[in-house]
């Protein structure tokens, strides 16, 4: 099943599904009361759009750190830098050297392309 999760403080906060998959899931429900409730909920805004957009376009270091539930200090300790360095990395428009991208990718367990 193709989907994406968005975490906050280390816990899944949102699940993003392709529309066709969501429609397939809706169509497969058998209980009419569940189906009615879900169809009604489709019309409701399930998230605060501004908050979701802020999260999606957030600095990648900050987003990954928040998903892990770490403070700037905890991330700094894991990488071996000062907290002020992490704060600089989390600024809008920050550019990371190759060695920094590699450290970040390793500590977060993701591809370094996420920090390009």
PDB file of N, CA and C in Angstrom:
ATOM      1  N   UNK A   1       0.854  -1.170   0.000  1.00  0.00           N
ATOM      2  CA  UNK A   1       0.000   0.000   0.000  1.00  0.00           C
ATOM      3  C   UNK A   1       0.901   1.235   0.000  1.00  0.00           C
ATOM      4  N   UNK A   2       0.631   2.156  -0.887  1.00  0.00           N
ATOM      5  CA  UNK A   2       1.418   3.375  -1.005  1.00  0.00           C
ATOM      6  C   UNK A   2       0.813   4.453  -0.106  1.00  0.00           C
ATOM      7  N   UNK A   3       1.612   4.938   0.846  1.00  0.00           N
ATOM      8  CA  UNK A   3       1.159   6.019   1.712  1.00  0.00           C
ATOM      9  C   UNK A   3       2.387   6.678   2.336  1.00  0.00           C
ATOM     10  N   UNK A   4       2.171   7.821   2.927  1.00  0.00           N
ATOM     11  CA  UNK A   4       3.247   8.540   3.600  1.00  0.00           C
ATOM     12  C   UNK A   4       2.753   8.923   4.981  1.00  0.00           C
ATOM     13  N   UNK A   5       3.638   8.832   5.955  1.00  0.00           N
ATOM     14  CA  UNK A   5       3.275   9.290   7.291  1.00  0.00           C
ATOM     15  C   UNK A   5       4.050  10.557   7.598  1.00  0.00           C
ATOM     16  N   UNK A   6       3.445  11.418   8.357  1.00  0.00           N
ATOM     17  CA  UNK A   6       4.089  12.638   8.837  1.00  0.00           C
ATOM     18  C   UNK A   6       4.053  12.572  10.353  1.00  0.00           C
ATOM     19  N   UNK A   7       5.236  12.668  10.947  1.00  0.00           N
ATOM     20  CA  UNK A   7       5.349  12.524  12.394  1.00  0.00           C
ATOM     21  C   UNK A   7       5.602  13.870  13.073  1.00  0.00           C
ATOM     22  N   UNK A   8       5.249  13.899  14.345  1.00  0.00           N
ATOM     23  CA  UNK A   8       5.562  15.028  15.207  1.00  0.00           C
ATOM     24  C   UNK A   8       5.882  14.459  16.574  1.00  0.00           C
ATOM     25  N   UNK A   9       6.995  14.865  17.127  1.00  0.00           N
ATOM     26  CA  UNK A   9       7.450  14.352  18.415  1.00  0.00           C
ATOM     27  C   UNK A   9       7.535  12.829  18.417  1.00  0.00           C
ATOM     28  N   UNK A  10       7.984  12.288  17.293  1.00  0.00           N
ATOM     29  CA  UNK A  10       8.207  10.852  17.202  1.00  0.00           C
ATOM     30  C   UNK A  10       6.964  10.006  16.999  1.00  0.00           C
ATOM     31  N   UNK A  11       5.785  10.640  16.875  1.00  0.00           N
ATOM     32  CA  UNK A  11       4.535   9.891  16.699  1.00  0.00           C
ATOM     33  C   UNK A  11       3.869  10.301  15.401  1.00  0.00           C
ATOM     34  N   UNK A  12       3.219   9.344  14.736  1.00  0.00           N
ATOM     35  CA  UNK A  12       2.524   9.637  13.490  1.00  0.00           C
ATOM     36  C   UNK A  12       1.367  10.589  13.775  1.00  0.00           C
ATOM     37  N   UNK A  13       1.357  11.714  13.036  1.00  0.00           N
ATOM     38  CA  UNK A  13       0.294  12.702  13.200  1.00  0.00           C
ATOM     39  C   UNK A  13      -0.657  12.691  12.004  1.00  0.00           C
ATOM     40  N   UNK A  14      -0.110  12.459  10.783  1.00  0.00           N
ATOM     41  CA  UNK A  14      -0.920  12.430   9.573  1.00  0.00           C
ATOM     42  C   UNK A  14      -0.546  11.202   8.749  1.00  0.00           C
ATOM     43  N   UNK A  15      -1.507  10.701   8.003  1.00  0.00           N
ATOM     44  CA  UNK A  15      -1.248   9.677   7.001  1.00  0.00           C
ATOM     45  C   UNK A  15      -1.778  10.234   5.694  1.00  0.00           C
ATOM     46  N   UNK A  16      -0.935  10.247   4.667  1.00  0.00           N
ATOM     47  CA  UNK A  16      -1.295  10.774   3.362  1.00  0.00           C
ATOM     48  C   UNK A  16      -1.433   9.602   2.404  1.00  0.00           C
ATOM     49  N   UNK A  17      -2.612   9.477   1.795  1.00  0.00           N
ATOM     50  CA  UNK A  17      -2.910   8.399   0.847  1.00  0.00           C
ATOM     51  C   UNK A  17      -3.179   9.000  -0.526  1.00  0.00           C
ATOM     52  N   UNK A  18      -2.822   8.301  -1.586  1.00  0.00           N
ATOM     53  CA  UNK A  18      -3.267   8.733  -2.918  1.00  0.00           C
ATOM     54  C   UNK A  18      -4.798   8.672  -2.968  1.00  0.00           C
ATOM     55  N   UNK A  19      -5.405   9.592  -3.682  1.00  0.00           N
ATOM     56  CA  UNK A  19      -6.867   9.675  -3.728  1.00  0.00           C
ATOM     57  C   UNK A  19      -7.484   8.375  -4.222  1.00  0.00           C
ATOM     58  N   UNK A  20      -6.883   7.766  -5.254  1.00  0.00           N
ATOM     59  CA  UNK A  20      -7.485   6.528  -5.771  1.00  0.00           C
ATOM     60  C   UNK A  20      -7.459   5.411  -4.730  1.00  0.00           C
ATOM     61  N   UNK A  21      -6.421   5.358  -3.908  1.00  0.00           N
ATOM     62  CA  UNK A  21      -6.357   4.359  -2.844  1.00  0.00           C
ATOM     63  C   UNK A  21      -7.399   4.650  -1.769  1.00  0.00           C
ATOM     64  N   UNK A  22      -7.549   5.921  -1.420  1.00  0.00           N
ATOM     65  CA  UNK A  22      -8.561   6.305  -0.443  1.00  0.00           C
ATOM     66  C   UNK A  22      -9.954   5.930  -0.951  1.00  0.00           C
ATOM     67  N   UNK A  23     -10.229   6.238  -2.222  1.00  0.00           N
ATOM     68  CA  UNK A  23     -11.536   5.893  -2.808  1.00  0.00           C
ATOM     69  C   UNK A  23     -11.766   4.388  -2.783  1.00  0.00           C
ATOM     70  N   UNK A  24     -10.721   3.601  -3.081  1.00  0.00           N
ATOM     71  CA  UNK A  24     -10.833   2.145  -3.051  1.00  0.00           C
ATOM     72  C   UNK A  24     -11.158   1.659  -1.641  1.00  0.00           C
ATOM     73  N   UNK A  25     -10.490   2.234  -0.644  1.00  0.00           N
ATOM     74  CA  UNK A  25     -10.774   1.855   0.744  1.00  0.00           C
ATOM     75  C   UNK A  25     -12.208   2.200   1.130  1.00  0.00           C
ATOM     76  N   UNK A  26     -12.655   3.364   0.727  1.00  0.00           N
ATOM     77  CA  UNK A  26     -14.037   3.776   1.023  1.00  0.00           C
ATOM     78  C   UNK A  26     -15.028   2.795   0.376  1.00  0.00           C
ATOM     79  N   UNK A  27     -14.768   2.461  -0.876  1.00  0.00           N
ATOM     80  CA  UNK A  27     -15.674   1.563  -1.599  1.00  0.00           C
ATOM     81  C   UNK A  27     -15.707   0.162  -1.005  1.00  0.00           C
ATOM     82  N   UNK A  28     -14.635  -0.237  -0.321  1.00  0.00           N
ATOM     83  CA  UNK A  28     -14.577  -1.602   0.202  1.00  0.00           C
ATOM     84  C   UNK A  28     -15.234  -1.761   1.573  1.00  0.00           C
ATOM     85  N   UNK A  29     -15.643  -0.681   2.191  1.00  0.00           N
ATOM     86  CA  UNK A  29     -16.284  -0.782   3.501  1.00  0.00           C
ATOM     87  C   UNK A  29     -17.661  -1.432   3.375  1.00  0.00           C
ATOM     88  N   UNK A  30     -17.970  -2.268   4.314  1.00  0.00           N
ATOM     89  CA  UNK A  30     -19.238  -2.989   4.250  1.00  0.00           C
ATOM     90  C   UNK A  30     -20.303  -2.390   5.165  1.00  0.00           C
ATOM     91  N   UNK A  31     -19.881  -1.856   6.303  1.00  0.00           N
ATOM     92  CA  UNK A  31     -20.843  -1.327   7.262  1.00  0.00           C
ATOM     93  C   UNK A  31     -21.329   0.045   6.784  1.00  0.00           C
ATOM     94  N   UNK A  32     -22.618   0.153   6.483  1.00  0.00           N
ATOM     95  CA  UNK A  32     -23.172   1.393   5.946  1.00  0.00           C
ATOM     96  C   UNK A  32     -23.010   2.580   6.902  1.00  0.00           C
ATOM     97  N   UNK A  33     -23.095   2.350   8.208  1.00  0.00           N
ATOM     98  CA  UNK A  33     -22.955   3.471   9.133  1.00  0.00           C
ATOM     99  C   UNK A  33     -21.520   4.003   9.110  1.00  0.00           C
ATOM    100  N   UNK A  34     -20.532   3.090   9.022  1.00  0.00           N
ATOM    101  CA  UNK A  34     -19.136   3.530   8.900  1.00  0.00           C
ATOM    102  C   UNK A  34     -18.942   4.296   7.604  1.00  0.00           C
ATOM    103  N   UNK A  35     -19.492   3.768   6.545  1.00  0.00           N
ATOM    104  CA  UNK A  35     -19.354   4.396   5.246  1.00  0.00           C
ATOM    105  C   UNK A  35     -19.964   5.800   5.257  1.00  0.00           C
ATOM    106  N   UNK A  36     -21.145   5.937   5.849  1.00  0.00           N
ATOM    107  CA  UNK A  36     -21.813   7.235   5.931  1.00  0.00           C
ATOM    108  C   UNK A  36     -20.954   8.220   6.731  1.00  0.00           C
ATOM    109  N   UNK A  37     -20.427   7.764   7.882  1.00  0.00           N
ATOM    110  CA  UNK A  37     -19.593   8.638   8.706  1.00  0.00           C
ATOM    111  C   UNK A  37     -18.332   9.082   7.975  1.00  0.00           C
ATOM    112  N   UNK A  38     -17.723   8.161   7.251  1.00  0.00           N
ATOM    113  CA  UNK A  38     -16.490   8.495   6.529  1.00  0.00           C
ATOM    114  C   UNK A  38     -16.784   9.446   5.376  1.00  0.00           C
ATOM    115  N   UNK A  39     -17.853   9.201   4.667  1.00  0.00           N
ATOM    116  CA  UNK A  39     -18.209  10.101   3.552  1.00  0.00           C
ATOM    117  C   UNK A  39     -18.509  11.501   4.074  1.00  0.00           C
ATOM    118  N   UNK A  40     -19.159  11.606   5.208  1.00  0.00           N
ATOM    119  CA  UNK A  40     -19.409  12.923   5.797  1.00  0.00           C
ATOM    120  C   UNK A  40     -18.096  13.573   6.219  1.00  0.00           C
ATOM    121  N   UNK A  41     -17.189  12.782   6.761  1.00  0.00           N
ATOM    122  CA  UNK A  41     -15.895  13.318   7.205  1.00  0.00           C
ATOM    123  C   UNK A  41     -15.048  13.778   6.031  1.00  0.00           C
ATOM    124  N   UNK A  42     -15.248  13.188   4.840  1.00  0.00           N
ATOM    125  CA  UNK A  42     -14.488  13.610   3.652  1.00  0.00           C
ATOM    126  C   UNK A  42     -14.695  15.093   3.373  1.00  0.00           C
ATOM    127  N   UNK A  43     -15.854  15.606   3.745  1.00  0.00           N
ATOM    128  CA  UNK A  43     -16.160  17.014   3.493  1.00  0.00           C
ATOM    129  C   UNK A  43     -15.581  17.940   4.559  1.00  0.00           C
ATOM    130  N   UNK A  44     -15.158  17.387   5.674  1.00  0.00           N
ATOM    131  CA  UNK A  44     -14.581  18.189   6.747  1.00  0.00           C
ATOM    132  C   UNK A  44     -13.086  18.328   6.530  1.00  0.00           C
ATOM    133  N   UNK A  45     -12.558  19.497   6.880  1.00  0.00           N
ATOM    134  CA  UNK A  45     -11.125  19.693   6.837  1.00  0.00           C
ATOM    135  C   UNK A  45     -10.515  18.882   7.975  1.00  0.00           C
ATOM    136  N   UNK A  46      -9.637  17.924   7.637  1.00  0.00           N
ATOM    137  CA  UNK A  46      -9.093  17.020   8.635  1.00  0.00           C
ATOM    138  C   UNK A  46      -7.852  17.569   9.325  1.00  0.00           C
ATOM    139  N   UNK A  47      -7.330  18.656   8.853  1.00  0.00           N
ATOM    140  CA  UNK A  47      -6.129  19.248   9.421  1.00  0.00           C
ATOM    141  C   UNK A  47      -6.181  20.747   9.196  1.00  0.00           C
ATOM    142  N   UNK A  48      -5.404  21.450   9.936  1.00  0.00           N
ATOM    143  CA  UNK A  48      -5.275  22.876   9.735  1.00  0.00           C
ATOM    144  C   UNK A  48      -4.332  23.076   8.552  1.00  0.00           C
ATOM    145  N   UNK A  49      -4.835  23.626   7.463  1.00  0.00           N
ATOM    146  CA  UNK A  49      -4.055  23.728   6.233  1.00  0.00           C
ATOM    147  C   UNK A  49      -2.760  24.503   6.451  1.00  0.00           C
ATOM    148  N   UNK A  50      -2.811  25.590   7.166  1.00  0.00           N
ATOM    149  CA  UNK A  50      -1.598  26.390   7.400  1.00  0.00           C
ATOM    150  C   UNK A  50      -0.556  25.589   8.178  1.00  0.00           C
ATOM    151  N   UNK A  51      -1.000  24.870   9.207  1.00  0.00           N
ATOM    152  CA  UNK A  51      -0.067  24.062   9.998  1.00  0.00           C
ATOM    153  C   UNK A  51       0.552  22.964   9.141  1.00  0.00           C
ATOM    154  N   UNK A  52      -0.253  22.318   8.302  1.00  0.00           N
ATOM    155  CA  UNK A  52       0.267  21.260   7.442  1.00  0.00           C
ATOM    156  C   UNK A  52       1.268  21.818   6.441  1.00  0.00           C
ATOM    157  N   UNK A  53       0.965  22.958   5.836  1.00  0.00           N
ATOM    158  CA  UNK A  53       1.886  23.564   4.869  1.00  0.00           C
ATOM    159  C   UNK A  53       3.176  24.007   5.549  1.00  0.00           C
ATOM    160  N   UNK A  54       3.063  24.578   6.739  1.00  0.00           N
ATOM    161  CA  UNK A  54       4.263  24.972   7.478  1.00  0.00           C
ATOM    162  C   UNK A  54       5.143  23.754   7.751  1.00  0.00           C
ATOM    163  N   UNK A  55       4.519  22.648   8.089  1.00  0.00           N
ATOM    164  CA  UNK A  55       5.269  21.432   8.378  1.00  0.00           C
ATOM    165  C   UNK A  55       5.930  20.878   7.117  1.00  0.00           C
ATOM    166  N   UNK A  56       5.193  20.824   6.040  1.00  0.00           N
ATOM    167  CA  UNK A  56       5.707  20.277   4.785  1.00  0.00           C
ATOM    168  C   UNK A  56       6.890  21.091   4.276  1.00  0.00           C
ATOM    169  N   UNK A  57       6.821  22.407   4.388  1.00  0.00           N
ATOM    170  CA  UNK A  57       7.879  23.267   3.860  1.00  0.00           C
ATOM    171  C   UNK A  57       8.894  23.681   4.925  1.00  0.00           C
ATOM    172  N   UNK A  58       8.835  23.048   6.074  1.00  0.00           N
ATOM    173  CA  UNK A  58       9.751  23.336   7.172  1.00  0.00           C
ATOM    174  C   UNK A  58      11.179  22.956   6.782  1.00  0.00           C
ATOM    175  N   UNK A  59      12.132  23.621   7.391  1.00  0.00           N
ATOM    176  CA  UNK A  59      13.537  23.269   7.206  1.00  0.00           C
ATOM    177  C   UNK A  59      13.691  21.770   7.446  1.00  0.00           C
ATOM    178  N   UNK A  60      14.414  21.044   6.570  1.00  0.00           N
ATOM    179  CA  UNK A  60      14.478  19.589   6.686  1.00  0.00           C
ATOM    180  C   UNK A  60      15.135  19.086   7.976  1.00  0.00           C
ATOM    181  N   UNK A  61      16.115  19.804   8.486  1.00  0.00           N
ATOM    182  CA  UNK A  61      16.759  19.372   9.738  1.00  0.00           C
ATOM    183  C   UNK A  61      15.759  19.484  10.882  1.00  0.00           C
ATOM    184  N   UNK A  62      15.057  20.588  10.935  1.00  0.00           N
ATOM    185  CA  UNK A  62      14.079  20.792  12.010  1.00  0.00           C
ATOM    186  C   UNK A  62      12.955  19.765  11.917  1.00  0.00           C
ATOM    187  N   UNK A  63      12.465  19.524  10.695  1.00  0.00           N
ATOM    188  CA  UNK A  63      11.375  18.560  10.523  1.00  0.00           C
ATOM    189  C   UNK A  63      11.794  17.163  10.971  1.00  0.00           C
ATOM    190  N   UNK A  64      12.978  16.728  10.545  1.00  0.00           N
ATOM    191  CA  UNK A  64      13.456  15.395  10.942  1.00  0.00           C
ATOM    192  C   UNK A  64      13.681  15.323  12.445  1.00  0.00           C
ATOM    193  N   UNK A  65      14.217  16.392  13.020  1.00  0.00           N
ATOM    194  CA  UNK A  65      14.463  16.421  14.471  1.00  0.00           C
ATOM    195  C   UNK A  65      13.146  16.323  15.228  1.00  0.00           C
ATOM    196  N   UNK A  66      12.147  17.085  14.795  1.00  0.00           N
ATOM    197  CA  UNK A  66      10.841  17.048  15.463  1.00  0.00           C
ATOM    198  C   UNK A  66      10.181  15.682  15.314  1.00  0.00           C
ATOM    199  N   UNK A  67      10.349  15.049  14.147  1.00  0.00           N
ATOM    200  CA  UNK A  67       9.772  13.714  13.949  1.00  0.00           C
ATOM    201  C   UNK A  67      10.364  12.710  14.935  1.00  0.00           C
ATOM    202  N   UNK A  68      11.642  12.895  15.273  1.00  0.00           N
ATOM    203  CA  UNK A  68      12.298  12.014  16.243  1.00  0.00           C
ATOM    204  C   UNK A  68      11.950  12.405  17.681  1.00  0.00           C
ATOM    205  N   UNK A  69      11.404  13.605  17.862  1.00  0.00           N
ATOM    206  CA  UNK A  69      11.083  14.070  19.209  1.00  0.00           C
ATOM    207  C   UNK A  69      12.307  14.564  19.972  1.00  0.00           C
ATOM    208  N   UNK A  70      13.343  14.970  19.233  1.00  0.00           N
ATOM    209  CA  UNK A  70      14.593  15.410  19.851  1.00  0.00           C
ATOM    210  C   UNK A  70      14.627  16.927  19.988  1.00  0.00           C
ATOM    211  N   UNK A  71      15.335  17.397  21.005  1.00  0.00           N
ATOM    212  CA  UNK A  71      15.624  18.826  21.134  1.00  0.00           C
ATOM    213  C   UNK A  71      16.839  19.132  20.263  1.00  0.00           C
ATOM    214  N   UNK A  72      17.097  20.409  20.061  1.00  0.00           N
ATOM    215  CA  UNK A  72      18.316  20.788  19.332  1.00  0.00           C
ATOM    216  C   UNK A  72      19.547  20.260  20.058  1.00  0.00           C
ATOM    217  N   UNK A  73      19.540  20.327  21.370  1.00  0.00           N
ATOM    218  CA  UNK A  73      20.684  19.856  22.165  1.00  0.00           C
ATOM    219  C   UNK A  73      20.882  18.349  21.973  1.00  0.00           C
ATOM    220  N   UNK A  74      19.789  17.583  21.975  1.00  0.00           N
ATOM    221  CA  UNK A  74      19.906  16.133  21.786  1.00  0.00           C
ATOM    222  C   UNK A  74      20.500  15.808  20.412  1.00  0.00           C
ATOM    223  N   UNK A  75      20.045  16.512  19.381  1.00  0.00           N
ATOM    224  CA  UNK A  75      20.605  16.291  18.053  1.00  0.00           C
ATOM    225  C   UNK A  75      22.079  16.675  18.030  1.00  0.00           C
ATOM    226  N   UNK A  76      22.408  17.798  18.619  1.00  0.00           N
ATOM    227  CA  UNK A  76      23.803  18.245  18.668  1.00  0.00           C
ATOM    228  C   UNK A  76      24.687  17.194  19.345  1.00  0.00           C
ATOM    229  N   UNK A  77      24.223  16.654  20.454  1.00  0.00           N
ATOM    230  CA  UNK A  77      24.995  15.626  21.178  1.00  0.00           C
ATOM    231  C   UNK A  77      25.177  14.370  20.327  1.00  0.00           C
ATOM    232  N   UNK A  78      24.164  13.987  19.566  1.00  0.00           N
ATOM    233  CA  UNK A  78      24.242  12.781  18.741  1.00  0.00           C
ATOM    234  C   UNK A  78      25.247  12.938  17.594  1.00  0.00           C
ATOM    235  N   UNK A  79      25.401  14.171  17.121  1.00  0.00           N
ATOM    236  CA  UNK A  79      26.303  14.418  15.996  1.00  0.00           C
ATOM    237  C   UNK A  79      27.678  14.888  16.467  1.00  0.00           C
ATOM    238  N   UNK A  80      27.729  15.443  17.676  1.00  0.00           N
ATOM    239  CA  UNK A  80      29.003  15.931  18.191  1.00  0.00           C
ATOM    240  C   UNK A  80      29.295  17.375  17.834  1.00  0.00           C
ATOM    241  N   UNK A  81      28.217  18.190  17.823  1.00  0.00           N
ATOM    242  CA  UNK A  81      28.377  19.625  17.565  1.00  0.00           C
ATOM    243  C   UNK A  81      27.689  20.398  18.687  1.00  0.00           C
ATOM    244  N   UNK A  82      27.794  21.716  18.636  1.00  0.00           N
ATOM    245  CA  UNK A  82      27.115  22.559  19.628  1.00  0.00           C
ATOM    246  C   UNK A  82      25.658  22.777  19.227  1.00  0.00           C
ATOM    247  N   UNK A  83      24.832  23.050  20.223  1.00  0.00           N
ATOM    248  CA  UNK A  83      23.423  23.332  19.979  1.00  0.00           C
ATOM    249  C   UNK A  83      23.273  24.517  19.031  1.00  0.00           C
ATOM    250  N   UNK A  84      24.140  25.514  19.132  1.00  0.00           N
ATOM    251  CA  UNK A  84      24.083  26.694  18.257  1.00  0.00           C
ATOM    252  C   UNK A  84      24.288  26.302  16.794  1.00  0.00           C
ATOM    253  N   UNK A  85      25.073  25.271  16.557  1.00  0.00           N
ATOM    254  CA  UNK A  85      25.292  24.786  15.188  1.00  0.00           C
ATOM    255  C   UNK A  85      23.997  24.206  14.629  1.00  0.00           C
ATOM    256  N   UNK A  86      23.302  23.433  15.444  1.00  0.00           N
ATOM    257  CA  UNK A  86      22.010  22.873  15.014  1.00  0.00           C
ATOM    258  C   UNK A  86      21.033  24.018  14.722  1.00  0.00           C
ATOM    259  N   UNK A  87      21.023  25.042  15.560  1.00  0.00           N
ATOM    260  CA  UNK A  87      20.137  26.185  15.342  1.00  0.00           C
ATOM    261  C   UNK A  87      20.442  26.845  13.988  1.00  0.00           C
ATOM    262  N   UNK A  88      21.713  26.953  13.621  1.00  0.00           N
ATOM    263  CA  UNK A  88      22.094  27.513  12.318  1.00  0.00           C
ATOM    264  C   UNK A  88      21.609  26.613  11.187  1.00  0.00           C
ATOM    265  N   UNK A  89      21.739  25.303  11.368  1.00  0.00           N
ATOM    266  CA  UNK A  89      21.286  24.361  10.348  1.00  0.00           C
ATOM    267  C   UNK A  89      19.785  24.452  10.127  1.00  0.00           C
ATOM    268  N   UNK A  90      19.048  24.861  11.148  1.00  0.00           N
ATOM    269  CA  UNK A  90      17.590  24.901  11.062  1.00  0.00           C
ATOM    270  C   UNK A  90      17.053  26.227  10.528  1.00  0.00           C
ATOM    271  N   UNK A  91      17.921  27.156  10.189  1.00  0.00           N
ATOM    272  CA  UNK A  91      17.462  28.427   9.632  1.00  0.00           C
ATOM    273  C   UNK A  91      16.934  28.229   8.213  1.00  0.00           C
ATOM    274  N   UNK A  92      15.985  29.071   7.845  1.00  0.00           N
ATOM    275  CA  UNK A  92      15.433  29.020   6.494  1.00  0.00           C
ATOM    276  C   UNK A  92      16.545  29.282   5.479  1.00  0.00           C
ATOM    277  N   UNK A  93      16.577  28.463   4.441  1.00  0.00           N
ATOM    278  CA  UNK A  93      17.565  28.646   3.390  1.00  0.00           C
ATOM    279  C   UNK A  93      18.956  28.131   3.725  1.00  0.00           C
ATOM    280  N   UNK A  94      19.098  27.380   4.818  1.00  0.00           N
ATOM    281  CA  UNK A  94      20.410  26.856   5.209  1.00  0.00           C
ATOM    282  C   UNK A  94      20.962  25.947   4.115  1.00  0.00           C
ATOM    283  N   UNK A  95      22.268  26.038   3.919  1.00  0.00           N
ATOM    284  CA  UNK A  95      22.966  25.187   2.950  1.00  0.00           C
ATOM    285  C   UNK A  95      23.946  24.333   3.728  1.00  0.00           C
ATOM    286  N   UNK A  96      23.997  23.040   3.403  1.00  0.00           N
ATOM    287  CA  UNK A  96      24.801  22.095   4.166  1.00  0.00           C
ATOM    288  C   UNK A  96      25.967  21.577   3.331  1.00  0.00           C
ATOM    289  N   UNK A  97      27.128  21.533   3.940  1.00  0.00           N
ATOM    290  CA  UNK A  97      28.287  20.929   3.291  1.00  0.00           C
ATOM    291  C   UNK A  97      28.050  19.422   3.174  1.00  0.00           C
ATOM    292  N   UNK A  98      28.783  18.784   2.270  1.00  0.00           N
ATOM    293  CA  UNK A  98      28.627  17.347   2.043  1.00  0.00           C
ATOM    294  C   UNK A  98      28.817  16.558   3.341  1.00  0.00           C
ATOM    295  N   UNK A  99      29.848  16.895   4.117  1.00  0.00           N
ATOM    296  CA  UNK A  99      30.099  16.173   5.372  1.00  0.00           C
ATOM    297  C   UNK A  99      28.932  16.340   6.340  1.00  0.00           C
ATOM    298  N   UNK A 100      28.336  17.522   6.357  1.00  0.00           N
ATOM    299  CA  UNK A 100      27.185  17.778   7.233  1.00  0.00           C
ATOM    300  C   UNK A 100      25.987  16.962   6.758  1.00  0.00           C
ATOM    301  N   UNK A 101      25.740  16.954   5.446  1.00  0.00           N
ATOM    302  CA  UNK A 101      24.619  16.151   4.904  1.00  0.00           C
ATOM    303  C   UNK A 101      24.794  14.684   5.256  1.00  0.00           C
ATOM    304  N   UNK A 102      26.011  14.196   5.180  1.00  0.00           N
ATOM    305  CA  UNK A 102      26.267  12.796   5.507  1.00  0.00           C
ATOM    306  C   UNK A 102      25.978  12.504   6.977  1.00  0.00           C
ATOM    307  N   UNK A 103      26.417  13.387   7.868  1.00  0.00           N
ATOM    308  CA  UNK A 103      26.154  13.198   9.306  1.00  0.00           C
ATOM    309  C   UNK A 103      24.656  13.227   9.596  1.00  0.00           C
ATOM    310  N   UNK A 104      23.971  14.193   8.990  1.00  0.00           N
ATOM    311  CA  UNK A 104      22.531  14.314   9.220  1.00  0.00           C
ATOM    312  C   UNK A 104      21.791  13.079   8.695  1.00  0.00           C
ATOM    313  N   UNK A 105      22.150  12.641   7.507  1.00  0.00           N
ATOM    314  CA  UNK A 105      21.503  11.457   6.929  1.00  0.00           C
ATOM    315  C   UNK A 105      21.712  10.245   7.822  1.00  0.00           C
ATOM    316  N   UNK A 106      22.915  10.095   8.337  1.00  0.00           N
ATOM    317  CA  UNK A 106      23.214   8.939   9.186  1.00  0.00           C
ATOM    318  C   UNK A 106      22.417   8.983  10.492  1.00  0.00           C
ATOM    319  N   UNK A 107      22.412  10.136  11.154  1.00  0.00           N
ATOM    320  CA  UNK A 107      21.727  10.222  12.453  1.00  0.00           C
ATOM    321  C   UNK A 107      20.207  10.070  12.305  1.00  0.00           C
ATOM    322  N   UNK A 108      19.656  10.554  11.167  1.00  0.00           N
ATOM    323  CA  UNK A 108      18.212  10.448  10.960  1.00  0.00           C
ATOM    324  C   UNK A 108      17.812   9.162  10.236  1.00  0.00           C
ATOM    325  N   UNK A 109      18.789   8.449   9.677  1.00  0.00           N
ATOM    326  CA  UNK A 109      18.481   7.214   8.966  1.00  0.00           C
ATOM    327  C   UNK A 109      17.761   7.431   7.654  1.00  0.00           C
ATOM    328  N   UNK A 110      18.116   8.514   6.947  1.00  0.00           N
ATOM    329  CA  UNK A 110      17.495   8.810   5.654  1.00  0.00           C
ATOM    330  C   UNK A 110      18.572   9.133   4.638  1.00  0.00           C
ATOM    331  N   UNK A 111      18.164   9.352   3.398  1.00  0.00           N
ATOM    332  CA  UNK A 111      19.098   9.709   2.328  1.00  0.00           C
ATOM    333  C   UNK A 111      19.593  11.138   2.510  1.00  0.00           C
ATOM    334  N   UNK A 112      20.857  11.368   2.174  1.00  0.00           N
ATOM    335  CA  UNK A 112      21.375  12.732   2.305  1.00  0.00           C
ATOM    336  C   UNK A 112      20.763  13.671   1.288  1.00  0.00           C
ATOM    337  N   UNK A 113      20.074  13.156   0.290  1.00  0.00           N
ATOM    338  CA  UNK A 113      19.394  14.003  -0.705  1.00  0.00           C
ATOM    339  C   UNK A 113      18.332  14.888  -0.052  1.00  0.00           C
ATOM    340  N   UNK A 114      17.817  14.466   1.080  1.00  0.00           N
ATOM    341  CA  UNK A 114      16.810  15.258   1.796  1.00  0.00           C
ATOM    342  C   UNK A 114      17.346  16.565   2.348  1.00  0.00           C
ATOM    343  N   UNK A 115      18.658  16.727   2.324  1.00  0.00           N
ATOM    344  CA  UNK A 115      19.281  17.935   2.863  1.00  0.00           C
ATOM    345  C   UNK A 115      19.970  18.762   1.784  1.00  0.00           C
ATOM    346  N   UNK A 116      19.662  18.478   0.519  1.00  0.00           N
ATOM    347  CA  UNK A 116      20.290  19.216  -0.602  1.00  0.00           C
ATOM    348  C   UNK A 116      19.643  20.555  -0.802  1.00  0.00           C
TER     349      UNK A 116
END
